[in-house]
């Protein structure tokens, strides 16, 4: 493995901004990739409250190459970039800013990261019914990506937040050709949806550490041949995934989405193919501690 020995005036700087940000694994995963390839890059974390000033600083600093953006800034940051890719404008949030000379380009990698996790697991999406639990930021990114990049037959959207669920449903209907069924999540609507769902995409915090014994889906609702993807990656195998695996179903951990989105950012920042195995190893080591 090649080591970057020093930081020079030509070192390219990338960062993650958010509030809070101390917990972020992004510096570890990106810097491991830079070291492995011997790139003159460094990646740091900044707690940021004033997003407009942060983006102005990015413009002012010649060696500032890229930003990862995390909560709560994924929507506001869109106001301060010069260009946003069409799918991300439809989603309504971005998690990546890349400096291209004097322009700042905004994009999202969460949706493509999730889609790659699904396809890498051999998931057949065309003509299938996808059940999405949750309608927040991750759900918006994944739903729009599936609607625009695949040929799924139907998206069933369940959430306990009526306003957020209806907003996502209307945005999908207005901006894509996808068939959407949107309902308030309760025991009855969940049971009905599970009877027809081929792929389940879980995008709520339920089951996230420290509430590791929680799951939205009772084990008796699973059917043979379903695929279950959980956007939660702490713990690596949630109660939802454990229950699905006990039924012999294909399961996909949210850590794959996290790694994929970081890989896409890395490649946009550096212009190099990311050392995926090195980056995956770092993430798994950190999460197992």
C-alpha atoms as a PDB file:
ATOM      1  CA  UNK A   1       0.000   0.000   0.000  1.00  0.00           C
ATOM      2  CA  UNK A   2       1.344   3.416  -0.947  1.00  0.00           C
ATOM      3  CA  UNK A   3       1.412   6.058   1.795  1.00  0.00           C
ATOM      4  CA  UNK A   4       0.938   9.798   1.341  1.00  0.00           C
ATOM      5  CA  UNK A   5       3.860  11.200   3.344  1.00  0.00           C
ATOM      6  CA  UNK A   6       3.094  14.898   3.373  1.00  0.00           C
ATOM      7  CA  UNK A   7       0.515  17.564   2.663  1.00  0.00           C
ATOM      8  CA  UNK A   8       1.732  20.104   0.152  1.00  0.00           C
ATOM      9  CA  UNK A   9       0.390  23.278  -1.520  1.00  0.00           C
ATOM     10  CA  UNK A  10      -0.927  21.017  -4.295  1.00  0.00           C
ATOM     11  CA  UNK A  11      -2.833  18.640  -1.992  1.00  0.00           C
ATOM     12  CA  UNK A  12      -6.504  18.404  -2.971  1.00  0.00           C
ATOM     13  CA  UNK A  13      -8.912  18.799  -0.058  1.00  0.00           C
ATOM     14  CA  UNK A  14     -12.252  17.028   0.351  1.00  0.00           C
ATOM     15  CA  UNK A  15     -14.531  17.133   3.374  1.00  0.00           C
ATOM     16  CA  UNK A  16     -17.809  16.090   4.913  1.00  0.00           C
ATOM     17  CA  UNK A  17     -20.019  18.811   6.378  1.00  0.00           C
ATOM     18  CA  UNK A  18     -22.929  18.298   8.736  1.00  0.00           C
ATOM     19  CA  UNK A  19     -24.103  18.851  12.286  1.00  0.00           C
ATOM     20  CA  UNK A  20     -23.255  16.615  14.085  1.00  0.00           C
ATOM     21  CA  UNK A  21     -20.401  15.097  12.112  1.00  0.00           C
ATOM     22  CA  UNK A  22     -17.987  13.584  14.651  1.00  0.00           C
ATOM     23  CA  UNK A  23     -19.476  10.119  14.120  1.00  0.00           C
ATOM     24  CA  UNK A  24     -18.885  10.114  10.348  1.00  0.00           C
ATOM     25  CA  UNK A  25     -16.972   7.200   8.828  1.00  0.00           C
ATOM     26  CA  UNK A  26     -16.330   9.194   5.648  1.00  0.00           C
ATOM     27  CA  UNK A  27     -12.828  10.477   6.558  1.00  0.00           C
ATOM     28  CA  UNK A  28     -11.627   6.949   7.332  1.00  0.00           C
ATOM     29  CA  UNK A  29     -13.032   5.417   4.159  1.00  0.00           C
ATOM     30  CA  UNK A  30     -11.883   8.164   1.766  1.00  0.00           C
ATOM     31  CA  UNK A  31      -8.408   8.592   3.262  1.00  0.00           C
ATOM     32  CA  UNK A  32      -7.847   4.830   3.120  1.00  0.00           C
ATOM     33  CA  UNK A  33      -8.599   4.982  -0.595  1.00  0.00           C
ATOM     34  CA  UNK A  34      -6.258   7.929  -1.140  1.00  0.00           C
ATOM     35  CA  UNK A  35      -3.430   6.171   0.699  1.00  0.00           C
ATOM     36  CA  UNK A  36      -3.931   2.958  -1.227  1.00  0.00           C
ATOM     37  CA  UNK A  37      -3.695   4.737  -4.591  1.00  0.00           C
ATOM     38  CA  UNK A  38      -0.975   7.175  -3.472  1.00  0.00           C
ATOM     39  CA  UNK A  39      -3.149  10.194  -4.288  1.00  0.00           C
ATOM     40  CA  UNK A  40      -2.273  13.699  -3.117  1.00  0.00           C
ATOM     41  CA  UNK A  41      -5.681  14.118  -1.454  1.00  0.00           C
ATOM     42  CA  UNK A  42      -6.854  14.544   2.109  1.00  0.00           C
ATOM     43  CA  UNK A  43     -10.382  14.219   3.517  1.00  0.00           C
ATOM     44  CA  UNK A  44     -11.534  15.920   6.722  1.00  0.00           C
ATOM     45  CA  UNK A  45     -14.761  16.434   8.694  1.00  0.00           C
ATOM     46  CA  UNK A  46     -16.251  19.832   9.565  1.00  0.00           C
ATOM     47  CA  UNK A  47     -19.196  20.578  11.820  1.00  0.00           C
ATOM     48  CA  UNK A  48     -21.031  23.298   9.902  1.00  0.00           C
ATOM     49  CA  UNK A  49     -24.040  25.437  10.784  1.00  0.00           C
ATOM     50  CA  UNK A  50     -23.644  28.196   8.153  1.00  0.00           C
ATOM     51  CA  UNK A  51     -23.940  26.287   4.869  1.00  0.00           C
ATOM     52  CA  UNK A  52     -23.826  29.353   2.623  1.00  0.00           C
ATOM     53  CA  UNK A  53     -20.489  30.446   4.082  1.00  0.00           C
ATOM     54  CA  UNK A  54     -19.110  26.925   3.850  1.00  0.00           C
ATOM     55  CA  UNK A  55     -19.848  26.794   0.113  1.00  0.00           C
ATOM     56  CA  UNK A  56     -18.393  30.278  -0.349  1.00  0.00           C
ATOM     57  CA  UNK A  57     -15.246  29.021   1.354  1.00  0.00           C
ATOM     58  CA  UNK A  58     -15.136  26.050  -0.995  1.00  0.00           C
ATOM     59  CA  UNK A  59     -15.225  28.442  -3.935  1.00  0.00           C
ATOM     60  CA  UNK A  60     -12.482  30.613  -2.426  1.00  0.00           C
ATOM     61  CA  UNK A  61     -10.014  27.825  -1.633  1.00  0.00           C
ATOM     62  CA  UNK A  62      -8.282  26.794  -4.829  1.00  0.00           C
ATOM     63  CA  UNK A  63      -7.428  23.246  -3.724  1.00  0.00           C
ATOM     64  CA  UNK A  64     -10.899  22.428  -2.390  1.00  0.00           C
ATOM     65  CA  UNK A  65     -12.139  19.624  -4.640  1.00  0.00           C
ATOM     66  CA  UNK A  66     -15.246  18.067  -3.118  1.00  0.00           C
ATOM     67  CA  UNK A  67     -17.798  17.940  -0.326  1.00  0.00           C
ATOM     68  CA  UNK A  68     -19.881  15.174   1.139  1.00  0.00           C
ATOM     69  CA  UNK A  69     -23.013  16.636   2.719  1.00  0.00           C
ATOM     70  CA  UNK A  70     -24.881  14.987   5.569  1.00  0.00           C
ATOM     71  CA  UNK A  71     -27.781  15.905   7.847  1.00  0.00           C
ATOM     72  CA  UNK A  72     -29.203  18.483   8.231  1.00  0.00           C
ATOM     73  CA  UNK A  73     -27.794  20.245   5.146  1.00  0.00           C
ATOM     74  CA  UNK A  74     -28.768  18.041   2.175  1.00  0.00           C
ATOM     75  CA  UNK A  75     -31.616  20.328   1.107  1.00  0.00           C
ATOM     76  CA  UNK A  76     -30.235  23.771   1.934  1.00  0.00           C
ATOM     77  CA  UNK A  77     -26.941  23.149   0.126  1.00  0.00           C
ATOM     78  CA  UNK A  78     -28.845  22.983  -3.164  1.00  0.00           C
ATOM     79  CA  UNK A  79     -29.271  26.779  -2.960  1.00  0.00           C
ATOM     80  CA  UNK A  80     -25.531  27.419  -3.246  1.00  0.00           C
ATOM     81  CA  UNK A  81     -24.366  25.269  -6.175  1.00  0.00           C
ATOM     82  CA  UNK A  82     -24.333  26.138  -9.876  1.00  0.00           C
ATOM     83  CA  UNK A  83     -25.702  22.932 -11.354  1.00  0.00           C
ATOM     84  CA  UNK A  84     -27.748  19.981 -10.108  1.00  0.00           C
ATOM     85  CA  UNK A  85     -28.349  16.758 -12.001  1.00  0.00           C
ATOM     86  CA  UNK A  86     -31.995  16.254 -13.036  1.00  0.00           C
ATOM     87  CA  UNK A  87     -32.733  13.200 -10.899  1.00  0.00           C
ATOM     88  CA  UNK A  88     -31.345  14.956  -7.823  1.00  0.00           C
ATOM     89  CA  UNK A  89     -33.412  18.075  -8.416  1.00  0.00           C
ATOM     90  CA  UNK A  90     -36.456  15.802  -8.502  1.00  0.00           C
ATOM     91  CA  UNK A  91     -35.356  14.106  -5.289  1.00  0.00           C
ATOM     92  CA  UNK A  92     -35.011  17.492  -3.629  1.00  0.00           C
ATOM     93  CA  UNK A  93     -31.699  16.910  -1.874  1.00  0.00           C
ATOM     94  CA  UNK A  94     -28.042  16.241  -2.652  1.00  0.00           C
ATOM     95  CA  UNK A  95     -25.196  14.708  -0.686  1.00  0.00           C
ATOM     96  CA  UNK A  96     -22.232  15.590  -2.911  1.00  0.00           C
ATOM     97  CA  UNK A  97     -20.676  18.781  -4.278  1.00  0.00           C
ATOM     98  CA  UNK A  98     -17.828  18.625  -6.787  1.00  0.00           C
ATOM     99  CA  UNK A  99     -15.773  21.632  -7.820  1.00  0.00           C
ATOM    100  CA  UNK A 100     -15.216  21.816 -11.569  1.00  0.00           C
ATOM    101  CA  UNK A 101     -12.981  24.837 -12.139  1.00  0.00           C
ATOM    102  CA  UNK A 102     -15.152  27.793 -11.096  1.00  0.00           C
ATOM    103  CA  UNK A 103     -18.424  25.847 -10.910  1.00  0.00           C
ATOM    104  CA  UNK A 104     -19.923  23.755  -8.113  1.00  0.00           C
ATOM    105  CA  UNK A 105     -21.833  20.680  -9.300  1.00  0.00           C
ATOM    106  CA  UNK A 106     -24.357  19.114  -6.931  1.00  0.00           C
ATOM    107  CA  UNK A 107     -25.484  15.500  -7.117  1.00  0.00           C
ATOM    108  CA  UNK A 108     -26.653  12.587  -5.002  1.00  0.00           C
ATOM    109  CA  UNK A 109     -25.048   9.179  -4.559  1.00  0.00           C
ATOM    110  CA  UNK A 110     -27.468   7.586  -2.065  1.00  0.00           C
ATOM    111  CA  UNK A 111     -29.988   6.434  -4.676  1.00  0.00           C
ATOM    112  CA  UNK A 112     -27.414   5.015  -7.107  1.00  0.00           C
ATOM    113  CA  UNK A 113     -25.619   3.427  -4.142  1.00  0.00           C
ATOM    114  CA  UNK A 114     -28.792   1.628  -3.093  1.00  0.00           C
ATOM    115  CA  UNK A 115     -29.596   0.553  -6.655  1.00  0.00           C
ATOM    116  CA  UNK A 116     -26.102  -0.924  -7.039  1.00  0.00           C
ATOM    117  CA  UNK A 117     -26.505  -2.797  -3.745  1.00  0.00           C
ATOM    118  CA  UNK A 118     -29.745  -4.309  -5.040  1.00  0.00           C
ATOM    119  CA  UNK A 119     -28.375  -5.270  -8.460  1.00  0.00           C
ATOM    120  CA  UNK A 120     -25.088  -6.607  -7.037  1.00  0.00           C
ATOM    121  CA  UNK A 121     -27.189  -8.993  -4.931  1.00  0.00           C
ATOM    122  CA  UNK A 122     -28.823 -10.280  -8.109  1.00  0.00           C
ATOM    123  CA  UNK A 123     -32.175  -8.606  -7.447  1.00  0.00           C
ATOM    124  CA  UNK A 124     -34.545  -8.632 -10.412  1.00  0.00           C
ATOM    125  CA  UNK A 125     -36.380  -5.301 -10.418  1.00  0.00           C
ATOM    126  CA  UNK A 126     -38.058  -5.037 -13.813  1.00  0.00           C
ATOM    127  CA  UNK A 127     -41.751  -5.860 -13.546  1.00  0.00           C
ATOM    128  CA  UNK A 128     -41.573  -6.252  -9.766  1.00  0.00           C
ATOM    129  CA  UNK A 129     -43.528  -4.666  -6.926  1.00  0.00           C
ATOM    130  CA  UNK A 130     -41.374  -2.733  -4.469  1.00  0.00           C
ATOM    131  CA  UNK A 131     -42.598  -1.975  -0.952  1.00  0.00           C
ATOM    132  CA  UNK A 132     -40.891   1.069   0.548  1.00  0.00           C
ATOM    133  CA  UNK A 133     -41.214   1.649   4.269  1.00  0.00           C
ATOM    134  CA  UNK A 134     -40.571   5.296   5.096  1.00  0.00           C
ATOM    135  CA  UNK A 135     -40.725   8.489   3.034  1.00  0.00           C
ATOM    136  CA  UNK A 136     -37.801  10.532   4.371  1.00  0.00           C
ATOM    137  CA  UNK A 137     -34.553  11.574   2.701  1.00  0.00           C
ATOM    138  CA  UNK A 138     -33.168   8.103   1.996  1.00  0.00           C
ATOM    139  CA  UNK A 139     -36.549   6.915   0.741  1.00  0.00           C
ATOM    140  CA  UNK A 140     -36.840   9.900  -1.615  1.00  0.00           C
ATOM    141  CA  UNK A 141     -33.408   9.207  -3.100  1.00  0.00           C
ATOM    142  CA  UNK A 142     -34.013   5.493  -3.573  1.00  0.00           C
ATOM    143  CA  UNK A 143     -37.599   5.850  -4.841  1.00  0.00           C
ATOM    144  CA  UNK A 144     -36.699   8.414  -7.499  1.00  0.00           C
ATOM    145  CA  UNK A 145     -33.691   6.375  -8.603  1.00  0.00           C
ATOM    146  CA  UNK A 146     -35.769   3.212  -8.952  1.00  0.00           C
ATOM    147  CA  UNK A 147     -38.490   5.138 -10.778  1.00  0.00           C
ATOM    148  CA  UNK A 148     -36.067   6.703 -13.256  1.00  0.00           C
ATOM    149  CA  UNK A 149     -33.459   3.969 -13.665  1.00  0.00           C
ATOM    150  CA  UNK A 150     -35.467   0.719 -13.579  1.00  0.00           C
ATOM    151  CA  UNK A 151     -38.744  -0.706 -14.887  1.00  0.00           C
ATOM    152  CA  UNK A 152     -40.383  -1.732 -11.639  1.00  0.00           C
ATOM    153  CA  UNK A 153     -44.095  -2.385 -12.004  1.00  0.00           C
ATOM    154  CA  UNK A 154     -45.312  -0.669  -8.862  1.00  0.00           C
ATOM    155  CA  UNK A 155     -44.060   1.158  -5.773  1.00  0.00           C
ATOM    156  CA  UNK A 156     -46.066   0.770  -2.575  1.00  0.00           C
ATOM    157  CA  UNK A 157     -45.209   3.572  -0.172  1.00  0.00           C
ATOM    158  CA  UNK A 158     -46.041   3.271   3.536  1.00  0.00           C
ATOM    159  CA  UNK A 159     -45.252   5.779   6.277  1.00  0.00           C
ATOM    160  CA  UNK A 160     -46.843   7.043   9.493  1.00  0.00           C
ATOM    161  CA  UNK A 161     -46.187  10.659   8.442  1.00  0.00           C
ATOM    162  CA  UNK A 162     -49.079  11.511   6.117  1.00  0.00           C
ATOM    163  CA  UNK A 163     -47.674  14.794   4.817  1.00  0.00           C
ATOM    164  CA  UNK A 164     -44.215  13.446   4.014  1.00  0.00           C
ATOM    165  CA  UNK A 165     -45.617  10.299   2.404  1.00  0.00           C
ATOM    166  CA  UNK A 166     -48.069  12.215   0.236  1.00  0.00           C
ATOM    167  CA  UNK A 167     -45.419  14.705  -0.838  1.00  0.00           C
ATOM    168  CA  UNK A 168     -43.142  11.912  -2.052  1.00  0.00           C
ATOM    169  CA  UNK A 169     -46.042  10.129  -3.727  1.00  0.00           C
ATOM    170  CA  UNK A 170     -47.147  13.246  -5.602  1.00  0.00           C
ATOM    171  CA  UNK A 171     -43.587  14.094  -6.646  1.00  0.00           C
ATOM    172  CA  UNK A 172     -43.115  10.590  -8.062  1.00  0.00           C
ATOM    173  CA  UNK A 173     -46.424  10.697  -9.924  1.00  0.00           C
ATOM    174  CA  UNK A 174     -45.685  14.134 -11.369  1.00  0.00           C
ATOM    175  CA  UNK A 175     -42.070  13.535 -12.321  1.00  0.00           C
ATOM    176  CA  UNK A 176     -41.966   9.881 -13.386  1.00  0.00           C
ATOM    177  CA  UNK A 177     -44.097   7.263 -15.104  1.00  0.00           C
ATOM    178  CA  UNK A 178     -44.108   4.953 -12.084  1.00  0.00           C
ATOM    179  CA  UNK A 179     -47.295   3.524 -10.564  1.00  0.00           C
ATOM    180  CA  UNK A 180     -47.446   4.534  -6.892  1.00  0.00           C
ATOM    181  CA  UNK A 181     -49.727   3.221  -4.174  1.00  0.00           C
ATOM    182  CA  UNK A 182     -49.417   5.380  -1.062  1.00  0.00           C
ATOM    183  CA  UNK A 183     -51.046   4.492   2.249  1.00  0.00           C
ATOM    184  CA  UNK A 184     -50.759   5.301   5.915  1.00  0.00           C
ATOM    185  CA  UNK A 185     -48.678   2.589   7.549  1.00  0.00           C
ATOM    186  CA  UNK A 186     -50.511   0.411  10.053  1.00  0.00           C
ATOM    187  CA  UNK A 187     -50.807  -3.314  10.735  1.00  0.00           C
ATOM    188  CA  UNK A 188     -53.445  -3.832   8.037  1.00  0.00           C
ATOM    189  CA  UNK A 189     -51.800  -1.862   5.221  1.00  0.00           C
ATOM    190  CA  UNK A 190     -48.431  -3.471   5.991  1.00  0.00           C
ATOM    191  CA  UNK A 191     -49.913  -6.974   5.901  1.00  0.00           C
ATOM    192  CA  UNK A 192     -51.709  -6.252   2.603  1.00  0.00           C
ATOM    193  CA  UNK A 193     -48.566  -4.811   1.020  1.00  0.00           C
ATOM    194  CA  UNK A 194     -46.435  -7.769   2.104  1.00  0.00           C
ATOM    195  CA  UNK A 195     -48.800 -10.118   0.245  1.00  0.00           C
ATOM    196  CA  UNK A 196     -47.737  -8.636  -3.107  1.00  0.00           C
ATOM    197  CA  UNK A 197     -44.269  -7.159  -2.474  1.00  0.00           C
ATOM    198  CA  UNK A 198     -41.336  -8.749  -4.292  1.00  0.00           C
ATOM    199  CA  UNK A 199     -38.710  -6.368  -2.885  1.00  0.00           C
ATOM    200  CA  UNK A 200     -38.884  -4.637   0.504  1.00  0.00           C
ATOM    201  CA  UNK A 201     -36.832  -1.476   1.022  1.00  0.00           C
ATOM    202  CA  UNK A 202     -36.705  -0.301   4.634  1.00  0.00           C
ATOM    203  CA  UNK A 203     -35.869   3.401   5.061  1.00  0.00           C
ATOM    204  CA  UNK A 204     -36.884   4.224   8.636  1.00  0.00           C
ATOM    205  CA  UNK A 205     -34.640   4.348  11.735  1.00  0.00           C
ATOM    206  CA  UNK A 206     -36.441   1.370  13.311  1.00  0.00           C
ATOM    207  CA  UNK A 207     -33.885  -1.257  14.297  1.00  0.00           C
ATOM    208  CA  UNK A 208     -30.969   1.162  14.352  1.00  0.00           C
ATOM    209  CA  UNK A 209     -28.535   0.995  17.268  1.00  0.00           C
ATOM    210  CA  UNK A 210     -29.295   1.094  20.169  1.00  0.00           C
ATOM    211  CA  UNK A 211     -32.819  -0.233  19.409  1.00  0.00           C
ATOM    212  CA  UNK A 212     -31.470  -3.399  17.847  1.00  0.00           C
ATOM    213  CA  UNK A 213     -34.399  -5.626  18.855  1.00  0.00           C
ATOM    214  CA  UNK A 214     -36.968  -3.621  16.872  1.00  0.00           C
ATOM    215  CA  UNK A 215     -38.376  -4.446  13.444  1.00  0.00           C
ATOM    216  CA  UNK A 216     -41.371  -3.085  11.540  1.00  0.00           C
ATOM    217  CA  UNK A 217     -42.222  -6.385   9.857  1.00  0.00           C
ATOM    218  CA  UNK A 218     -43.484  -9.379  11.854  1.00  0.00           C
ATOM    219  CA  UNK A 219     -41.665 -12.507  10.714  1.00  0.00           C
ATOM    220  CA  UNK A 220     -44.922 -14.249   9.755  1.00  0.00           C
ATOM    221  CA  UNK A 221     -45.542 -11.698   6.970  1.00  0.00           C
ATOM    222  CA  UNK A 222     -42.524 -12.744   4.887  1.00  0.00           C
ATOM    223  CA  UNK A 223     -43.147 -14.779   1.744  1.00  0.00           C
ATOM    224  CA  UNK A 224     -40.748 -17.035  -0.212  1.00  0.00           C
ATOM    225  CA  UNK A 225     -38.446 -15.388  -2.777  1.00  0.00           C
ATOM    226  CA  UNK A 226     -38.727 -11.863  -1.375  1.00  0.00           C
ATOM    227  CA  UNK A 227     -35.668  -9.597  -1.239  1.00  0.00           C
ATOM    228  CA  UNK A 228     -35.203  -7.429   1.856  1.00  0.00           C
ATOM    229  CA  UNK A 229     -32.953  -4.359   1.803  1.00  0.00           C
ATOM    230  CA  UNK A 230     -32.426  -2.364   5.004  1.00  0.00           C
ATOM    231  CA  UNK A 231     -30.902   1.116   4.677  1.00  0.00           C
ATOM    232  CA  UNK A 232     -29.884   0.889   8.362  1.00  0.00           C
ATOM    233  CA  UNK A 233     -26.280  -0.336   8.756  1.00  0.00           C
ATOM    234  CA  UNK A 234     -25.737  -0.080  12.508  1.00  0.00           C
ATOM    235  CA  UNK A 235     -25.930  -2.939  13.394  1.00  0.00           C
ATOM    236  CA  UNK A 236     -24.632  -4.656  10.278  1.00  0.00           C
ATOM    237  CA  UNK A 237     -27.440  -7.217  10.497  1.00  0.00           C
ATOM    238  CA  UNK A 238     -30.614  -5.675  11.862  1.00  0.00           C
ATOM    239  CA  UNK A 239     -33.484  -7.588  13.417  1.00  0.00           C
ATOM    240  CA  UNK A 240     -35.360  -7.122  10.144  1.00  0.00           C
ATOM    241  CA  UNK A 241     -32.552  -8.778   8.188  1.00  0.00           C
ATOM    242  CA  UNK A 242     -32.105 -11.560  10.740  1.00  0.00           C
ATOM    243  CA  UNK A 243     -35.788 -12.405  10.552  1.00  0.00           C
ATOM    244  CA  UNK A 244     -35.763 -12.334   6.752  1.00  0.00           C
ATOM    245  CA  UNK A 245     -32.668 -14.550   6.625  1.00  0.00           C
ATOM    246  CA  UNK A 246     -34.342 -17.041   8.972  1.00  0.00           C
ATOM    247  CA  UNK A 247     -37.053 -17.384   6.306  1.00  0.00           C
ATOM    248  CA  UNK A 248     -34.469 -18.095   3.609  1.00  0.00           C
ATOM    249  CA  UNK A 249     -34.853 -14.714   1.909  1.00  0.00           C
ATOM    250  CA  UNK A 250     -32.188 -12.669   0.145  1.00  0.00           C
ATOM    251  CA  UNK A 251     -31.017  -9.899   2.474  1.00  0.00           C
ATOM    252  CA  UNK A 252     -28.993  -6.763   1.719  1.00  0.00           C
ATOM    253  CA  UNK A 253     -27.371  -4.684   4.455  1.00  0.00           C
ATOM    254  CA  UNK A 254     -27.406  -0.906   4.357  1.00  0.00           C
ATOM    255  CA  UNK A 255     -23.623  -0.985   4.639  1.00  0.00           C
ATOM    256  CA  UNK A 256     -23.516  -1.864   0.938  1.00  0.00           C
ATOM    257  CA  UNK A 257     -25.426   1.323   0.095  1.00  0.00           C
ATOM    258  CA  UNK A 258     -23.061   3.321   2.323  1.00  0.00           C
ATOM    259  CA  UNK A 259     -19.967   1.869   0.675  1.00  0.00           C
ATOM    260  CA  UNK A 260     -21.375   2.301  -2.832  1.00  0.00           C
ATOM    261  CA  UNK A 261     -22.306   5.946  -2.286  1.00  0.00           C
ATOM    262  CA  UNK A 262     -18.828   6.652  -0.881  1.00  0.00           C
ATOM    263  CA  UNK A 263     -17.205   4.910  -3.849  1.00  0.00           C
ATOM    264  CA  UNK A 264     -19.210   7.058  -6.273  1.00  0.00           C
ATOM    265  CA  UNK A 265     -18.154  10.204  -4.392  1.00  0.00           C
ATOM    266  CA  UNK A 266     -14.513   9.085  -4.348  1.00  0.00           C
ATOM    267  CA  UNK A 267     -14.527   8.585  -8.111  1.00  0.00           C
ATOM    268  CA  UNK A 268     -16.159  11.954  -8.774  1.00  0.00           C
ATOM    269  CA  UNK A 269     -13.663  13.711  -6.498  1.00  0.00           C
ATOM    270  CA  UNK A 270     -10.505  12.005  -7.806  1.00  0.00           C
ATOM    271  CA  UNK A 271     -11.296  10.845 -11.338  1.00  0.00           C
ATOM    272  CA  UNK A 272      -9.833   7.453 -10.379  1.00  0.00           C
ATOM    273  CA  UNK A 273     -11.371   4.020  -9.925  1.00  0.00           C
ATOM    274  CA  UNK A 274     -11.946   3.544  -6.218  1.00  0.00           C
ATOM    275  CA  UNK A 275     -10.236   0.672  -4.362  1.00  0.00           C
ATOM    276  CA  UNK A 276     -13.579  -0.774  -3.321  1.00  0.00           C
ATOM    277  CA  UNK A 277     -12.240  -3.723  -1.323  1.00  0.00           C
ATOM    278  CA  UNK A 278      -9.953  -1.456   0.720  1.00  0.00           C
ATOM    279  CA  UNK A 279     -12.806   0.954   1.451  1.00  0.00           C
ATOM    280  CA  UNK A 280     -15.186  -1.886   2.385  1.00  0.00           C
ATOM    281  CA  UNK A 281     -12.612  -3.370   4.773  1.00  0.00           C
ATOM    282  CA  UNK A 282     -12.204  -0.046   6.580  1.00  0.00           C
ATOM    283  CA  UNK A 283     -15.961   0.377   7.020  1.00  0.00           C
ATOM    284  CA  UNK A 284     -16.457  -3.134   8.328  1.00  0.00           C
ATOM    285  CA  UNK A 285     -13.548  -2.785  10.752  1.00  0.00           C
ATOM    286  CA  UNK A 286     -14.994   0.454  12.123  1.00  0.00           C
ATOM    287  CA  UNK A 287     -18.519  -0.914  12.455  1.00  0.00           C
ATOM    288  CA  UNK A 288     -17.408  -4.101  14.209  1.00  0.00           C
ATOM    289  CA  UNK A 289     -15.589  -2.208  16.988  1.00  0.00           C
END
